[in-house]
């Protein structure tokens, strides 16, 4: 998976590649999913209309944040906890918000098994509002598509911090955006075209 789906597409950060090698994706996919599908080059459903993202897209979004270990990250859409575990293994301090309580509970359990000592908090909350008590964040990573960039998330970025978010229609193609917080506002840079479940 790491060699063919991630490194072969240009992701070369050794910290990212190492984290993907160390986090077992098959523990974060639905029961009954075989190993071939667990490490396949596609998203998988995790219940309640949500998915665990394609491995390459997870790696790409983390690379787009361009942050080092110790950075404080706000993750919107915990899902199964797979991306959260990758971020934790890279040495980030992670606050992860999941609006669907059953998924938040399951993700927290998965993370305790895989990364019991990680600096991670999984909170059942509306991700569009962010989590002001732990702001500002050096990075924000949003794992669901919004029709526009939620202002609360931009406001919770530290100056110089970056948010990676898919923006576009609920039922169509979206675009990954990198939003950088500046002293005078924000700067937005477009990226890859993607398809995500909607931010709810």
N, C-alpha and C. Protein backbone atom coordinates (compact mmCIF):
# COMPACT_ATOMS: atom_id res chain seq x y z
N UNK A 1 0.82 -1.20 0.00
CA UNK A 1 0.00 0.00 0.00
C UNK A 1 0.86 1.26 0.00
N UNK A 2 1.84 1.31 0.90
CA UNK A 2 2.67 2.51 1.02
C UNK A 2 3.52 2.70 -0.23
N UNK A 3 4.09 1.63 -0.74
CA UNK A 3 4.96 1.74 -1.91
C UNK A 3 4.17 2.10 -3.17
N UNK A 4 3.05 1.41 -3.40
CA UNK A 4 2.35 1.54 -4.67
C UNK A 4 1.33 2.68 -4.70
N UNK A 5 0.68 2.94 -3.57
CA UNK A 5 -0.40 3.92 -3.56
C UNK A 5 0.04 5.31 -3.10
N UNK A 6 1.08 5.35 -2.27
CA UNK A 6 1.45 6.62 -1.63
C UNK A 6 2.79 7.13 -2.17
N UNK A 7 3.86 6.36 -1.96
CA UNK A 7 5.19 6.81 -2.41
C UNK A 7 5.24 6.93 -3.93
N UNK A 8 4.59 6.01 -4.64
CA UNK A 8 4.63 6.04 -6.11
C UNK A 8 3.93 7.27 -6.69
N UNK A 9 3.07 7.92 -5.88
CA UNK A 9 2.37 9.12 -6.36
C UNK A 9 3.01 10.41 -5.87
N UNK A 10 4.23 10.29 -5.35
CA UNK A 10 4.99 11.50 -5.05
C UNK A 10 5.04 11.91 -3.60
N UNK A 11 4.41 11.17 -2.70
CA UNK A 11 4.52 11.49 -1.27
C UNK A 11 5.85 10.95 -0.78
N UNK A 12 6.76 11.84 -0.39
CA UNK A 12 8.11 11.38 -0.06
C UNK A 12 8.54 11.75 1.36
N UNK A 13 7.69 12.41 2.13
CA UNK A 13 8.03 12.77 3.50
C UNK A 13 8.22 11.48 4.30
N UNK A 14 9.43 11.24 4.82
CA UNK A 14 9.67 9.97 5.55
C UNK A 14 8.81 9.81 6.79
N UNK A 15 8.42 10.93 7.41
CA UNK A 15 7.57 10.85 8.60
C UNK A 15 6.18 10.34 8.23
N UNK A 16 5.65 10.81 7.10
CA UNK A 16 4.34 10.33 6.63
C UNK A 16 4.42 8.86 6.25
N UNK A 17 5.41 8.48 5.47
CA UNK A 17 5.54 7.10 5.02
C UNK A 17 5.72 6.15 6.20
N UNK A 18 6.51 6.55 7.16
CA UNK A 18 6.74 5.71 8.34
C UNK A 18 5.45 5.51 9.12
N UNK A 19 4.66 6.57 9.27
CA UNK A 19 3.41 6.45 10.02
C UNK A 19 2.45 5.49 9.33
N UNK A 20 2.37 5.56 8.00
CA UNK A 20 1.49 4.64 7.28
C UNK A 20 1.96 3.20 7.38
N UNK A 21 3.27 3.00 7.46
CA UNK A 21 3.79 1.65 7.64
C UNK A 21 3.46 1.09 9.02
N UNK A 22 3.36 1.97 10.01
CA UNK A 22 3.21 1.52 11.39
C UNK A 22 1.76 1.40 11.86
N UNK A 23 0.83 2.09 11.20
CA UNK A 23 -0.57 2.06 11.66
C UNK A 23 -1.33 1.00 10.85
N UNK A 24 -1.87 -0.03 11.49
CA UNK A 24 -2.56 -1.11 10.77
C UNK A 24 -3.96 -0.69 10.32
N UNK A 25 -4.13 -0.43 9.03
CA UNK A 25 -5.41 0.07 8.53
C UNK A 25 -6.55 -0.93 8.72
N UNK A 26 -6.22 -2.22 8.73
CA UNK A 26 -7.30 -3.22 8.83
C UNK A 26 -8.03 -3.15 10.17
N UNK A 27 -7.45 -2.50 11.17
CA UNK A 27 -8.13 -2.34 12.45
C UNK A 27 -9.14 -1.20 12.43
N UNK A 28 -9.15 -0.40 11.38
CA UNK A 28 -10.02 0.78 11.31
C UNK A 28 -11.09 0.67 10.23
N UNK A 29 -11.25 -0.52 9.67
CA UNK A 29 -12.26 -0.73 8.63
C UNK A 29 -13.35 -1.64 9.18
N UNK A 30 -14.47 -1.76 8.47
CA UNK A 30 -15.59 -2.55 9.00
C UNK A 30 -15.23 -4.01 9.23
N UNK A 31 -15.87 -4.62 10.22
CA UNK A 31 -15.71 -6.05 10.47
C UNK A 31 -16.08 -6.83 9.21
N UNK A 32 -15.30 -7.87 8.94
CA UNK A 32 -15.60 -8.70 7.78
C UNK A 32 -14.88 -8.26 6.52
N UNK A 33 -14.22 -7.13 6.56
CA UNK A 33 -13.47 -6.64 5.40
C UNK A 33 -12.15 -7.41 5.30
N UNK A 34 -11.87 -8.02 4.14
CA UNK A 34 -10.63 -8.81 4.04
C UNK A 34 -9.42 -7.89 3.91
N UNK A 35 -8.23 -8.48 4.02
CA UNK A 35 -7.01 -7.68 4.04
C UNK A 35 -6.77 -6.95 2.72
N UNK A 36 -7.15 -7.58 1.61
CA UNK A 36 -6.95 -6.93 0.31
C UNK A 36 -7.74 -5.63 0.26
N UNK A 37 -9.03 -5.70 0.64
CA UNK A 37 -9.85 -4.49 0.63
C UNK A 37 -9.41 -3.50 1.71
N UNK A 38 -8.98 -4.00 2.85
CA UNK A 38 -8.57 -3.13 3.95
C UNK A 38 -7.43 -2.20 3.54
N UNK A 39 -6.56 -2.67 2.66
CA UNK A 39 -5.41 -1.87 2.22
C UNK A 39 -5.57 -1.44 0.76
N UNK A 40 -6.82 -1.44 0.27
CA UNK A 40 -7.08 -1.07 -1.11
C UNK A 40 -7.00 0.43 -1.35
N UNK A 41 -6.94 0.78 -2.63
CA UNK A 41 -6.76 2.17 -3.07
C UNK A 41 -8.12 2.84 -3.25
N UNK A 42 -8.94 2.80 -2.20
CA UNK A 42 -10.29 3.36 -2.27
C UNK A 42 -10.80 3.58 -0.85
N UNK A 43 -11.79 4.48 -0.70
CA UNK A 43 -12.41 4.67 0.62
C UNK A 43 -13.29 3.47 0.96
N UNK A 44 -13.56 3.29 2.25
CA UNK A 44 -14.42 2.20 2.70
C UNK A 44 -15.47 2.75 3.66
N UNK A 45 -16.69 2.22 3.61
CA UNK A 45 -17.73 2.69 4.55
C UNK A 45 -17.42 2.23 5.97
N UNK A 46 -17.70 3.10 6.94
CA UNK A 46 -17.50 2.74 8.34
C UNK A 46 -18.81 2.82 9.13
N UNK A 47 -19.93 3.00 8.42
CA UNK A 47 -21.23 3.06 9.07
C UNK A 47 -21.75 4.48 9.18
N UNK A 48 -23.06 4.59 9.34
CA UNK A 48 -23.74 5.87 9.52
C UNK A 48 -23.48 6.85 8.37
N UNK A 49 -23.27 6.29 7.18
CA UNK A 49 -23.06 7.12 6.00
C UNK A 49 -21.68 7.73 5.89
N UNK A 50 -20.73 7.28 6.69
CA UNK A 50 -19.38 7.85 6.70
C UNK A 50 -18.38 6.85 6.13
N UNK A 51 -17.19 7.34 5.79
CA UNK A 51 -16.17 6.49 5.20
C UNK A 51 -14.81 6.72 5.85
N UNK A 52 -13.92 5.74 5.69
CA UNK A 52 -12.50 5.96 5.95
C UNK A 52 -11.87 6.26 4.60
N UNK A 53 -11.14 7.34 4.52
CA UNK A 53 -10.66 7.84 3.22
C UNK A 53 -9.63 6.92 2.59
N UNK A 54 -9.51 7.05 1.28
CA UNK A 54 -8.47 6.39 0.50
C UNK A 54 -7.10 6.74 1.10
N UNK A 55 -6.20 5.76 1.28
CA UNK A 55 -4.91 6.05 1.92
C UNK A 55 -4.14 7.20 1.29
N UNK A 56 -4.09 7.25 -0.05
CA UNK A 56 -3.35 8.32 -0.71
C UNK A 56 -3.90 9.70 -0.34
N UNK A 57 -5.23 9.83 -0.28
CA UNK A 57 -5.83 11.13 0.03
C UNK A 57 -5.49 11.55 1.46
N UNK A 58 -5.48 10.60 2.38
CA UNK A 58 -5.07 10.91 3.76
C UNK A 58 -3.64 11.44 3.75
N UNK A 59 -2.75 10.74 3.05
CA UNK A 59 -1.34 11.15 3.00
C UNK A 59 -1.19 12.52 2.34
N UNK A 60 -1.93 12.74 1.26
CA UNK A 60 -1.84 14.01 0.53
C UNK A 60 -2.28 15.17 1.41
N UNK A 61 -3.39 15.01 2.11
CA UNK A 61 -3.90 16.09 2.94
C UNK A 61 -2.94 16.42 4.08
N UNK A 62 -2.33 15.39 4.66
CA UNK A 62 -1.35 15.63 5.72
C UNK A 62 -0.13 16.35 5.15
N UNK A 63 0.30 15.93 3.97
CA UNK A 63 1.44 16.60 3.33
C UNK A 63 1.12 18.06 3.04
N UNK A 64 -0.11 18.34 2.62
CA UNK A 64 -0.51 19.72 2.30
C UNK A 64 -0.46 20.63 3.53
N UNK A 65 -0.69 20.08 4.72
CA UNK A 65 -0.57 20.90 5.94
C UNK A 65 0.87 21.33 6.17
N UNK A 66 1.84 20.48 5.78
CA UNK A 66 3.27 20.81 5.84
C UNK A 66 3.69 21.25 7.25
N UNK A 67 3.41 20.38 8.23
CA UNK A 67 3.73 20.69 9.62
C UNK A 67 4.63 19.61 10.22
N UNK A 68 5.34 19.97 11.27
CA UNK A 68 6.25 19.04 11.92
C UNK A 68 5.71 18.52 13.24
N UNK A 69 6.38 17.51 13.79
CA UNK A 69 5.96 16.92 15.07
C UNK A 69 5.83 17.99 16.15
N UNK A 70 4.85 17.78 17.03
CA UNK A 70 4.60 18.73 18.11
C UNK A 70 3.56 19.76 17.78
N UNK A 71 3.19 19.89 16.49
CA UNK A 71 2.16 20.85 16.10
C UNK A 71 0.81 20.41 16.64
N UNK A 72 -0.02 21.39 16.97
CA UNK A 72 -1.38 21.10 17.45
C UNK A 72 -2.32 21.08 16.25
N UNK A 73 -3.04 19.97 16.10
CA UNK A 73 -3.90 19.76 14.94
C UNK A 73 -5.35 19.63 15.40
N UNK A 74 -6.26 20.28 14.68
CA UNK A 74 -7.69 20.07 14.85
C UNK A 74 -8.15 19.23 13.67
N UNK A 75 -8.68 18.06 13.96
CA UNK A 75 -9.21 17.17 12.92
C UNK A 75 -10.73 17.21 12.97
N UNK A 76 -11.35 17.46 11.83
CA UNK A 76 -12.81 17.49 11.74
C UNK A 76 -13.26 16.23 11.02
N UNK A 77 -13.99 15.37 11.72
CA UNK A 77 -14.46 14.11 11.16
C UNK A 77 -13.54 12.97 11.51
N UNK A 78 -13.65 12.48 12.75
CA UNK A 78 -12.78 11.40 13.22
C UNK A 78 -13.03 10.12 12.45
N UNK A 79 -14.31 9.84 12.14
CA UNK A 79 -14.64 8.59 11.46
C UNK A 79 -14.22 7.39 12.27
N UNK A 80 -13.47 6.50 11.66
CA UNK A 80 -13.00 5.30 12.36
C UNK A 80 -11.76 5.56 13.21
N UNK A 81 -11.13 6.72 13.01
CA UNK A 81 -9.92 7.05 13.75
C UNK A 81 -8.63 6.75 13.01
N UNK A 82 -8.71 6.30 11.76
CA UNK A 82 -7.49 5.93 11.03
C UNK A 82 -6.58 7.12 10.80
N UNK A 83 -7.13 8.20 10.23
CA UNK A 83 -6.30 9.38 10.00
C UNK A 83 -5.79 9.95 11.33
N UNK A 84 -6.62 9.89 12.36
CA UNK A 84 -6.22 10.36 13.69
C UNK A 84 -4.99 9.59 14.16
N UNK A 85 -5.00 8.28 13.96
CA UNK A 85 -3.87 7.44 14.38
C UNK A 85 -2.60 7.79 13.59
N UNK A 86 -2.76 8.08 12.29
CA UNK A 86 -1.60 8.48 11.48
C UNK A 86 -1.02 9.79 12.02
N UNK A 87 -1.89 10.76 12.29
CA UNK A 87 -1.44 12.05 12.83
C UNK A 87 -0.73 11.87 14.16
N UNK A 88 -1.30 11.03 15.02
CA UNK A 88 -0.70 10.79 16.33
C UNK A 88 0.66 10.13 16.19
N UNK A 89 0.77 9.16 15.28
CA UNK A 89 2.05 8.47 15.09
C UNK A 89 3.12 9.41 14.55
N UNK A 90 2.69 10.47 13.86
CA UNK A 90 3.64 11.45 13.36
C UNK A 90 4.10 12.44 14.43
N UNK A 91 3.51 12.34 15.62
CA UNK A 91 3.94 13.19 16.72
C UNK A 91 3.16 14.47 16.89
N UNK A 92 1.97 14.54 16.25
CA UNK A 92 1.13 15.72 16.42
C UNK A 92 0.29 15.59 17.69
N UNK A 93 -0.08 16.73 18.24
CA UNK A 93 -1.07 16.80 19.31
C UNK A 93 -2.42 17.02 18.63
N UNK A 94 -3.37 16.09 18.80
CA UNK A 94 -4.58 16.08 17.98
C UNK A 94 -5.84 16.25 18.84
N UNK A 95 -6.67 17.20 18.43
CA UNK A 95 -8.05 17.29 18.92
C UNK A 95 -8.92 16.89 17.75
N UNK A 96 -9.68 15.81 17.90
CA UNK A 96 -10.47 15.27 16.80
C UNK A 96 -11.95 15.33 17.14
N UNK A 97 -12.73 15.95 16.26
CA UNK A 97 -14.17 16.13 16.49
C UNK A 97 -14.96 15.21 15.57
N UNK A 98 -15.94 14.51 16.15
CA UNK A 98 -16.84 13.64 15.40
C UNK A 98 -18.25 13.90 15.87
N UNK A 99 -19.13 14.33 14.96
CA UNK A 99 -20.49 14.70 15.33
C UNK A 99 -21.36 13.48 15.64
N UNK A 100 -21.00 12.31 15.09
CA UNK A 100 -21.78 11.10 15.30
C UNK A 100 -21.22 10.32 16.49
N UNK A 101 -21.96 10.30 17.57
CA UNK A 101 -21.45 9.75 18.83
C UNK A 101 -20.98 8.30 18.70
N UNK A 102 -21.73 7.39 18.05
CA UNK A 102 -21.24 6.00 17.95
C UNK A 102 -19.87 5.90 17.27
N UNK A 103 -19.65 6.73 16.25
CA UNK A 103 -18.33 6.71 15.59
C UNK A 103 -17.26 7.26 16.51
N UNK A 104 -17.56 8.32 17.26
CA UNK A 104 -16.58 8.88 18.20
C UNK A 104 -16.17 7.84 19.24
N UNK A 105 -17.15 7.10 19.76
CA UNK A 105 -16.86 6.07 20.77
C UNK A 105 -16.00 4.97 20.17
N UNK A 106 -16.35 4.52 18.96
CA UNK A 106 -15.59 3.45 18.31
C UNK A 106 -14.16 3.91 17.99
N UNK A 107 -14.03 5.14 17.49
CA UNK A 107 -12.70 5.66 17.16
C UNK A 107 -11.82 5.76 18.40
N UNK A 108 -12.38 6.25 19.50
CA UNK A 108 -11.61 6.36 20.74
C UNK A 108 -11.12 4.99 21.19
N UNK A 109 -11.97 3.98 21.03
CA UNK A 109 -11.56 2.61 21.39
C UNK A 109 -10.44 2.13 20.48
N UNK A 110 -10.58 2.36 19.17
CA UNK A 110 -9.53 1.95 18.22
C UNK A 110 -8.20 2.61 18.56
N UNK A 111 -8.26 3.89 18.90
CA UNK A 111 -7.03 4.63 19.18
C UNK A 111 -6.37 4.15 20.47
N UNK A 112 -7.17 3.77 21.45
CA UNK A 112 -6.58 3.23 22.69
C UNK A 112 -5.82 1.94 22.41
N UNK A 113 -6.30 1.15 21.44
CA UNK A 113 -5.63 -0.10 21.10
C UNK A 113 -4.33 0.13 20.34
N UNK A 114 -4.36 1.08 19.41
CA UNK A 114 -3.24 1.28 18.49
C UNK A 114 -2.23 2.29 19.00
N UNK A 115 -2.71 3.34 19.68
CA UNK A 115 -1.82 4.42 20.13
C UNK A 115 -2.21 4.87 21.54
N UNK A 116 -2.04 3.99 22.53
CA UNK A 116 -2.53 4.30 23.88
C UNK A 116 -1.87 5.50 24.53
N UNK A 117 -0.66 5.83 24.11
CA UNK A 117 0.07 6.95 24.73
C UNK A 117 0.04 8.22 23.89
N UNK A 118 -0.75 8.22 22.83
CA UNK A 118 -0.77 9.37 21.92
C UNK A 118 -1.44 10.57 22.56
N UNK A 119 -1.02 11.75 22.14
CA UNK A 119 -1.62 13.00 22.62
C UNK A 119 -2.83 13.31 21.74
N UNK A 120 -3.94 12.59 22.01
CA UNK A 120 -5.15 12.68 21.18
C UNK A 120 -6.37 12.79 22.07
N UNK A 121 -7.27 13.69 21.70
CA UNK A 121 -8.59 13.76 22.33
C UNK A 121 -9.65 13.62 21.26
N UNK A 122 -10.55 12.66 21.41
CA UNK A 122 -11.69 12.50 20.51
C UNK A 122 -12.91 13.06 21.24
N UNK A 123 -13.56 14.02 20.59
CA UNK A 123 -14.68 14.73 21.21
C UNK A 123 -15.90 14.64 20.29
N UNK A 124 -17.04 14.28 20.85
CA UNK A 124 -18.29 14.26 20.07
C UNK A 124 -18.82 15.69 20.01
N UNK A 125 -18.69 16.33 18.85
CA UNK A 125 -19.08 17.73 18.72
C UNK A 125 -19.24 18.08 17.24
N UNK A 126 -19.91 19.19 16.98
CA UNK A 126 -20.13 19.70 15.63
C UNK A 126 -18.84 20.31 15.11
N UNK A 127 -18.25 19.66 14.11
CA UNK A 127 -16.96 20.11 13.61
C UNK A 127 -16.98 21.47 12.95
N UNK A 128 -18.12 21.91 12.44
CA UNK A 128 -18.18 23.22 11.77
C UNK A 128 -17.85 24.36 12.73
N UNK A 129 -18.04 24.12 14.02
CA UNK A 129 -17.76 25.16 15.02
C UNK A 129 -16.34 25.07 15.56
N UNK A 130 -15.62 24.03 15.18
CA UNK A 130 -14.28 23.84 15.71
C UNK A 130 -14.31 23.54 17.19
N UNK A 131 -13.16 23.78 17.83
CA UNK A 131 -13.05 23.55 19.28
C UNK A 131 -12.22 24.68 19.89
N UNK A 132 -12.87 25.80 20.20
CA UNK A 132 -12.14 26.98 20.69
C UNK A 132 -11.30 26.76 21.95
N UNK A 133 -11.69 25.87 22.89
CA UNK A 133 -10.89 25.75 24.10
C UNK A 133 -9.42 25.38 23.87
N UNK A 134 -9.13 24.69 22.77
CA UNK A 134 -7.74 24.29 22.51
C UNK A 134 -7.07 25.13 21.42
N UNK A 135 -7.79 26.12 20.88
CA UNK A 135 -7.22 26.97 19.82
C UNK A 135 -6.17 27.90 20.42
N UNK A 136 -5.24 28.41 19.59
CA UNK A 136 -5.16 28.24 18.14
C UNK A 136 -4.45 26.95 17.74
N UNK A 137 -4.69 26.53 16.51
CA UNK A 137 -4.10 25.30 15.96
C UNK A 137 -3.14 25.65 14.83
N UNK A 138 -2.03 24.91 14.79
CA UNK A 138 -1.11 25.07 13.65
C UNK A 138 -1.69 24.44 12.39
N UNK A 139 -2.55 23.44 12.56
CA UNK A 139 -3.16 22.80 11.41
C UNK A 139 -4.60 22.40 11.68
N UNK A 140 -5.42 22.47 10.64
CA UNK A 140 -6.78 21.95 10.67
C UNK A 140 -6.94 21.06 9.45
N UNK A 141 -7.45 19.84 9.66
CA UNK A 141 -7.66 18.92 8.55
C UNK A 141 -9.10 18.45 8.60
N UNK A 142 -9.82 18.65 7.51
CA UNK A 142 -11.26 18.39 7.46
C UNK A 142 -11.52 17.21 6.54
N UNK A 143 -12.15 16.17 7.08
CA UNK A 143 -12.34 14.91 6.34
C UNK A 143 -13.75 14.76 5.79
N UNK A 144 -14.40 15.86 5.49
CA UNK A 144 -15.73 15.86 4.87
C UNK A 144 -15.87 17.15 4.08
N UNK A 145 -16.73 17.12 3.07
CA UNK A 145 -16.82 18.25 2.16
C UNK A 145 -17.78 19.32 2.67
N UNK A 146 -17.32 20.56 2.63
CA UNK A 146 -18.15 21.71 2.99
C UNK A 146 -18.48 22.50 1.73
N UNK A 147 -19.62 23.21 1.75
CA UNK A 147 -19.97 24.04 0.60
C UNK A 147 -19.10 25.29 0.53
N UNK A 148 -18.55 25.69 1.68
CA UNK A 148 -17.60 26.80 1.76
C UNK A 148 -16.77 26.59 3.02
N UNK A 149 -15.70 27.34 3.17
CA UNK A 149 -14.83 27.19 4.33
C UNK A 149 -15.54 27.74 5.57
N UNK A 150 -15.78 26.92 6.59
CA UNK A 150 -16.43 27.44 7.81
C UNK A 150 -15.59 28.52 8.48
N UNK A 151 -16.15 29.72 8.69
CA UNK A 151 -15.36 30.82 9.28
C UNK A 151 -14.76 30.46 10.64
N UNK A 152 -15.47 29.68 11.45
CA UNK A 152 -14.96 29.34 12.78
C UNK A 152 -13.65 28.59 12.70
N UNK A 153 -13.48 27.77 11.66
CA UNK A 153 -12.24 27.00 11.53
C UNK A 153 -11.08 27.90 11.13
N UNK A 154 -11.32 28.84 10.23
CA UNK A 154 -10.26 29.79 9.86
C UNK A 154 -9.83 30.62 11.05
N UNK A 155 -10.81 31.02 11.87
CA UNK A 155 -10.52 31.87 13.02
C UNK A 155 -9.71 31.15 14.09
N UNK A 156 -9.80 29.82 14.11
CA UNK A 156 -9.08 29.06 15.13
C UNK A 156 -7.69 28.63 14.69
N UNK A 157 -7.29 29.00 13.48
CA UNK A 157 -5.92 28.76 13.02
C UNK A 157 -4.97 29.77 13.64
N UNK A 158 -3.81 29.30 14.02
CA UNK A 158 -2.74 30.21 14.43
C UNK A 158 -2.24 30.98 13.20
N UNK A 159 -1.66 32.15 13.40
CA UNK A 159 -1.05 32.88 12.29
C UNK A 159 0.06 32.01 11.70
N UNK A 160 -0.01 31.80 10.41
CA UNK A 160 0.93 30.90 9.74
C UNK A 160 0.43 29.48 9.65
N UNK A 161 -0.65 29.17 10.35
CA UNK A 161 -1.22 27.83 10.32
C UNK A 161 -1.94 27.54 9.03
N UNK A 162 -2.16 26.25 8.75
CA UNK A 162 -2.79 25.84 7.49
C UNK A 162 -3.96 24.89 7.75
N UNK A 163 -5.03 25.11 7.00
CA UNK A 163 -6.17 24.21 6.99
C UNK A 163 -6.27 23.56 5.62
N UNK A 164 -6.51 22.24 5.61
CA UNK A 164 -6.77 21.51 4.37
C UNK A 164 -8.19 21.02 4.43
N UNK A 165 -9.00 21.39 3.42
CA UNK A 165 -10.42 21.11 3.45
C UNK A 165 -10.96 20.89 2.04
N UNK A 166 -11.79 19.85 1.83
CA UNK A 166 -12.46 19.71 0.54
C UNK A 166 -13.69 20.62 0.48
N UNK A 167 -13.81 21.40 -0.57
CA UNK A 167 -14.92 22.34 -0.70
C UNK A 167 -15.60 22.13 -2.05
N UNK A 168 -16.94 22.06 -2.01
CA UNK A 168 -17.70 21.88 -3.24
C UNK A 168 -19.06 21.31 -2.96
N UNK A 169 -19.81 20.94 -3.99
CA UNK A 169 -21.18 20.45 -3.82
C UNK A 169 -21.22 19.11 -3.09
N UNK A 170 -22.35 18.88 -2.40
CA UNK A 170 -22.51 17.64 -1.63
C UNK A 170 -22.45 16.40 -2.51
N UNK A 171 -23.00 16.46 -3.70
CA UNK A 171 -23.14 15.28 -4.53
C UNK A 171 -22.28 15.33 -5.79
N UNK A 172 -21.20 16.07 -5.74
CA UNK A 172 -20.36 16.18 -6.92
C UNK A 172 -18.89 16.17 -6.56
N UNK A 173 -18.09 16.67 -7.46
CA UNK A 173 -16.64 16.74 -7.24
C UNK A 173 -16.31 17.98 -6.43
N UNK A 174 -15.43 17.80 -5.46
CA UNK A 174 -14.95 18.93 -4.66
C UNK A 174 -13.47 19.17 -4.96
N UNK A 175 -12.94 20.24 -4.39
CA UNK A 175 -11.52 20.56 -4.56
C UNK A 175 -10.88 20.73 -3.19
N UNK A 176 -9.71 20.10 -3.04
CA UNK A 176 -8.96 20.32 -1.81
C UNK A 176 -8.38 21.73 -1.82
N UNK A 177 -8.62 22.47 -0.74
CA UNK A 177 -8.07 23.81 -0.59
C UNK A 177 -7.11 23.83 0.58
N UNK A 178 -6.03 24.59 0.45
CA UNK A 178 -5.15 24.89 1.58
C UNK A 178 -5.39 26.34 1.95
N UNK A 179 -5.86 26.56 3.17
CA UNK A 179 -6.15 27.90 3.67
C UNK A 179 -5.09 28.26 4.70
N UNK A 180 -4.32 29.31 4.44
CA UNK A 180 -3.26 29.73 5.35
C UNK A 180 -3.70 31.00 6.07
N UNK A 181 -3.55 31.00 7.39
CA UNK A 181 -3.92 32.18 8.19
C UNK A 181 -2.77 33.18 8.15
N UNK A 182 -3.10 34.41 7.77
CA UNK A 182 -2.14 35.50 7.72
C UNK A 182 -2.51 36.55 8.76
N UNK A 183 -1.62 37.46 9.03
CA UNK A 183 -1.94 38.56 9.94
C UNK A 183 -3.12 39.38 9.44
N UNK A 184 -3.23 39.46 8.11
CA UNK A 184 -4.26 40.32 7.52
C UNK A 184 -5.49 39.55 7.03
N UNK A 185 -5.58 38.25 7.31
CA UNK A 185 -6.71 37.47 6.83
C UNK A 185 -6.28 36.07 6.48
N UNK A 186 -6.73 35.55 5.34
CA UNK A 186 -6.35 34.20 4.91
C UNK A 186 -5.96 34.20 3.43
N UNK A 187 -5.19 33.20 3.06
CA UNK A 187 -4.80 32.98 1.67
C UNK A 187 -5.20 31.56 1.31
N UNK A 188 -5.86 31.38 0.17
CA UNK A 188 -6.36 30.07 -0.22
C UNK A 188 -5.67 29.60 -1.49
N UNK A 189 -5.21 28.35 -1.46
CA UNK A 189 -4.55 27.76 -2.63
C UNK A 189 -5.30 26.49 -3.03
N UNK A 190 -5.71 26.35 -4.31
CA UNK A 190 -6.44 25.16 -4.75
C UNK A 190 -5.53 23.96 -4.95
N UNK A 191 -6.12 22.77 -4.80
CA UNK A 191 -5.37 21.54 -4.97
C UNK A 191 -6.15 20.52 -5.77
N UNK A 192 -5.99 19.25 -5.42
CA UNK A 192 -6.58 18.13 -6.14
C UNK A 192 -8.11 18.14 -6.11
N UNK A 193 -8.71 17.55 -7.16
CA UNK A 193 -10.14 17.29 -7.18
C UNK A 193 -10.40 15.97 -6.44
N UNK A 194 -11.44 15.95 -5.62
CA UNK A 194 -11.72 14.80 -4.76
C UNK A 194 -13.23 14.62 -4.63
N UNK A 195 -13.61 13.52 -3.96
CA UNK A 195 -15.02 13.29 -3.60
C UNK A 195 -15.07 12.82 -2.16
N UNK A 196 -15.74 13.61 -1.30
CA UNK A 196 -15.88 13.29 0.11
C UNK A 196 -17.36 13.25 0.47
N UNK A 197 -17.66 12.55 1.56
CA UNK A 197 -19.02 12.65 2.12
C UNK A 197 -19.20 14.06 2.65
N UNK A 198 -20.43 14.55 2.73
CA UNK A 198 -20.65 15.94 3.17
C UNK A 198 -20.38 16.14 4.66
N UNK A 199 -19.94 17.33 5.00
CA UNK A 199 -19.76 17.74 6.40
C UNK A 199 -21.14 17.93 7.01
N UNK A 200 -21.42 17.20 8.09
CA UNK A 200 -22.75 17.27 8.72
C UNK A 200 -22.63 17.77 10.14
